[in-house]
């Protein structure tokens, strides 16, 4: 299992940051995914499902995504299931002066042949995930 964690302060209101992150259609702008398709219809809430396409180490994959907990302005807990990993995590939101502190944390469990190479793959996975925080900051502050 690969433990991941990152955090950043974004100079935008808590509501602005939460609304942007909660809308999974924005994911391709700040996460390493190429596209997103809804599975469930309606507002984003606990139980919302969607699919994302991404590339990892030169191969394209699709992952099934589930919002496990949705607390507006506070927390989004998720599960992403792909053929090569399962990522269970959460994003926490807290006001911080004139901005918002965003903290992401979770566990990535590799599957298939990648599981055998976890020691080699773990730094790449952490780097991929850790790069999302500065990218989110760049998108929201520009």
Protein backbone atom coordinates (compact mmCIF):
# COMPACT_ATOMS: atom_id res chain seq x y z
CA UNK A 1 0.00 0.00 0.00
CA UNK A 2 1.22 3.48 -0.90
CA UNK A 3 0.28 6.23 1.54
CA UNK A 4 -0.20 9.62 -0.13
CA UNK A 5 -0.73 13.04 1.40
CA UNK A 6 -0.42 16.62 0.23
CA UNK A 7 -1.71 20.00 1.22
CA UNK A 8 -1.69 23.56 -0.01
CA UNK A 9 -3.15 26.96 0.76
CA UNK A 10 -5.10 28.53 -2.09
CA UNK A 11 -5.87 32.25 -2.14
CA UNK A 12 -9.58 31.77 -2.86
CA UNK A 13 -12.62 31.43 -0.63
CA UNK A 14 -13.52 28.06 0.83
CA UNK A 15 -16.72 28.01 -1.20
CA UNK A 16 -14.87 28.73 -4.47
CA UNK A 17 -12.29 26.00 -3.84
CA UNK A 18 -14.80 23.41 -2.63
CA UNK A 19 -17.17 24.00 -5.55
CA UNK A 20 -14.34 23.68 -8.07
CA UNK A 21 -12.90 20.47 -6.58
CA UNK A 22 -16.35 18.94 -6.05
CA UNK A 23 -17.22 19.34 -9.73
CA UNK A 24 -15.47 16.30 -11.20
CA UNK A 25 -15.81 17.82 -14.69
CA UNK A 26 -12.91 20.08 -13.65
CA UNK A 27 -10.60 17.12 -12.91
CA UNK A 28 -8.79 17.14 -16.29
CA UNK A 29 -7.63 20.71 -15.57
CA UNK A 30 -5.80 19.86 -12.36
CA UNK A 31 -5.54 16.08 -12.09
CA UNK A 32 -3.65 13.65 -14.35
CA UNK A 33 -6.81 12.51 -16.15
CA UNK A 34 -7.71 13.06 -19.79
CA UNK A 35 -11.51 12.89 -19.61
CA UNK A 36 -14.46 12.35 -17.29
CA UNK A 37 -17.92 10.89 -17.93
CA UNK A 38 -20.85 10.92 -15.49
CA UNK A 39 -22.45 7.62 -14.51
CA UNK A 40 -25.10 8.95 -12.12
CA UNK A 41 -27.38 11.86 -12.98
CA UNK A 42 -28.05 14.76 -10.66
CA UNK A 43 -26.12 16.90 -8.21
CA UNK A 44 -22.80 15.71 -6.84
CA UNK A 45 -23.40 14.04 -3.49
CA UNK A 46 -22.62 10.91 -1.49
CA UNK A 47 -23.04 8.00 -3.92
CA UNK A 48 -22.23 9.96 -7.09
CA UNK A 49 -20.42 7.81 -9.67
CA UNK A 50 -18.32 8.80 -12.67
CA UNK A 51 -15.55 7.42 -14.86
CA UNK A 52 -12.16 8.95 -15.64
CA UNK A 53 -9.58 8.08 -18.27
CA UNK A 54 -5.90 8.40 -17.41
CA UNK A 55 -2.46 7.26 -18.45
CA UNK A 56 0.10 5.62 -16.18
CA UNK A 57 3.55 4.64 -17.33
CA UNK A 58 2.57 4.79 -21.00
CA UNK A 59 -0.66 2.80 -20.77
CA UNK A 60 -4.24 4.15 -20.92
CA UNK A 61 -6.79 3.08 -18.30
CA UNK A 62 -10.32 3.84 -17.19
CA UNK A 63 -11.24 4.08 -13.54
CA UNK A 64 -14.58 3.87 -11.78
CA UNK A 65 -15.03 6.66 -9.26
CA UNK A 66 -17.39 6.81 -6.30
CA UNK A 67 -18.00 9.68 -3.89
CA UNK A 68 -18.28 7.92 -0.52
CA UNK A 69 -18.86 11.02 1.63
CA UNK A 70 -19.81 14.52 0.56
CA UNK A 71 -19.87 17.24 3.21
CA UNK A 72 -20.19 20.62 1.44
CA UNK A 73 -17.43 23.01 2.44
CA UNK A 74 -15.66 20.37 4.54
CA UNK A 75 -14.83 17.01 3.01
CA UNK A 76 -15.03 14.74 -0.03
CA UNK A 77 -14.17 11.07 0.47
CA UNK A 78 -13.71 8.93 -2.62
CA UNK A 79 -12.81 5.55 -4.04
CA UNK A 80 -11.15 5.26 -7.46
CA UNK A 81 -10.91 1.73 -8.87
CA UNK A 82 -8.73 1.08 -11.92
CA UNK A 83 -7.35 -2.15 -13.39
CA UNK A 84 -3.95 -1.39 -11.83
CA UNK A 85 -4.89 0.20 -8.47
CA UNK A 86 -7.52 1.16 -5.93
CA UNK A 87 -7.21 4.63 -4.41
CA UNK A 88 -9.21 5.37 -1.26
CA UNK A 89 -8.82 8.92 -0.13
CA UNK A 90 -10.27 12.17 1.06
CA UNK A 91 -9.90 15.88 0.50
CA UNK A 92 -10.40 18.18 3.47
CA UNK A 93 -11.15 21.90 3.20
CA UNK A 94 -10.56 24.51 5.93
CA UNK A 95 -10.58 28.31 5.87
CA UNK A 96 -7.10 29.78 6.29
CA UNK A 97 -6.97 33.56 6.58
CA UNK A 98 -8.08 34.96 3.24
CA UNK A 99 -7.74 31.58 1.57
CA UNK A 100 -8.43 27.88 1.91
CA UNK A 101 -6.26 25.03 3.13
CA UNK A 102 -6.80 21.91 1.01
CA UNK A 103 -5.46 18.63 2.42
CA UNK A 104 -5.59 15.38 0.42
CA UNK A 105 -4.71 12.01 1.91
CA UNK A 106 -5.28 8.37 1.19
CA UNK A 107 -3.96 4.98 0.28
CA UNK A 108 -3.22 3.54 -3.14
CA UNK A 109 -3.19 -0.24 -3.39
CA UNK A 110 -1.57 -1.55 -6.55
CA UNK A 111 -2.95 -4.63 -8.28
CA UNK A 112 -1.88 -7.01 -11.00
CA UNK A 113 1.75 -7.00 -12.03
CA UNK A 114 2.27 -3.49 -10.63
CA UNK A 115 1.82 -4.89 -7.13
CA UNK A 116 5.08 -6.79 -7.57
CA UNK A 117 6.91 -3.55 -8.38
CA UNK A 118 5.43 -1.37 -5.62
CA UNK A 119 8.82 -0.25 -4.31
CA UNK A 120 9.76 1.04 -7.76
CA UNK A 121 6.33 2.46 -8.66
CA UNK A 122 5.51 4.11 -5.30
CA UNK A 123 7.64 7.26 -5.87
CA UNK A 124 6.06 7.78 -9.30
CA UNK A 125 2.55 7.39 -7.88
CA UNK A 126 3.29 9.79 -5.00
CA UNK A 127 4.81 12.32 -7.39
CA UNK A 128 1.81 12.10 -9.73
CA UNK A 129 -0.61 12.70 -6.86
CA UNK A 130 1.52 15.34 -5.11
CA UNK A 131 1.67 17.40 -8.30
CA UNK A 132 -2.10 17.89 -8.17
CA UNK A 133 -1.95 20.38 -5.26
CA UNK A 134 0.26 22.99 -7.00
CA UNK A 135 -1.69 22.49 -10.23
CA UNK A 136 -4.99 23.13 -8.39
CA UNK A 137 -3.49 26.27 -6.84
CA UNK A 138 -2.27 27.47 -10.26
CA UNK A 139 -5.67 26.92 -11.89
CA UNK A 140 -7.67 28.58 -9.11
CA UNK A 141 -5.37 31.55 -8.58
CA UNK A 142 -4.82 32.44 -12.23
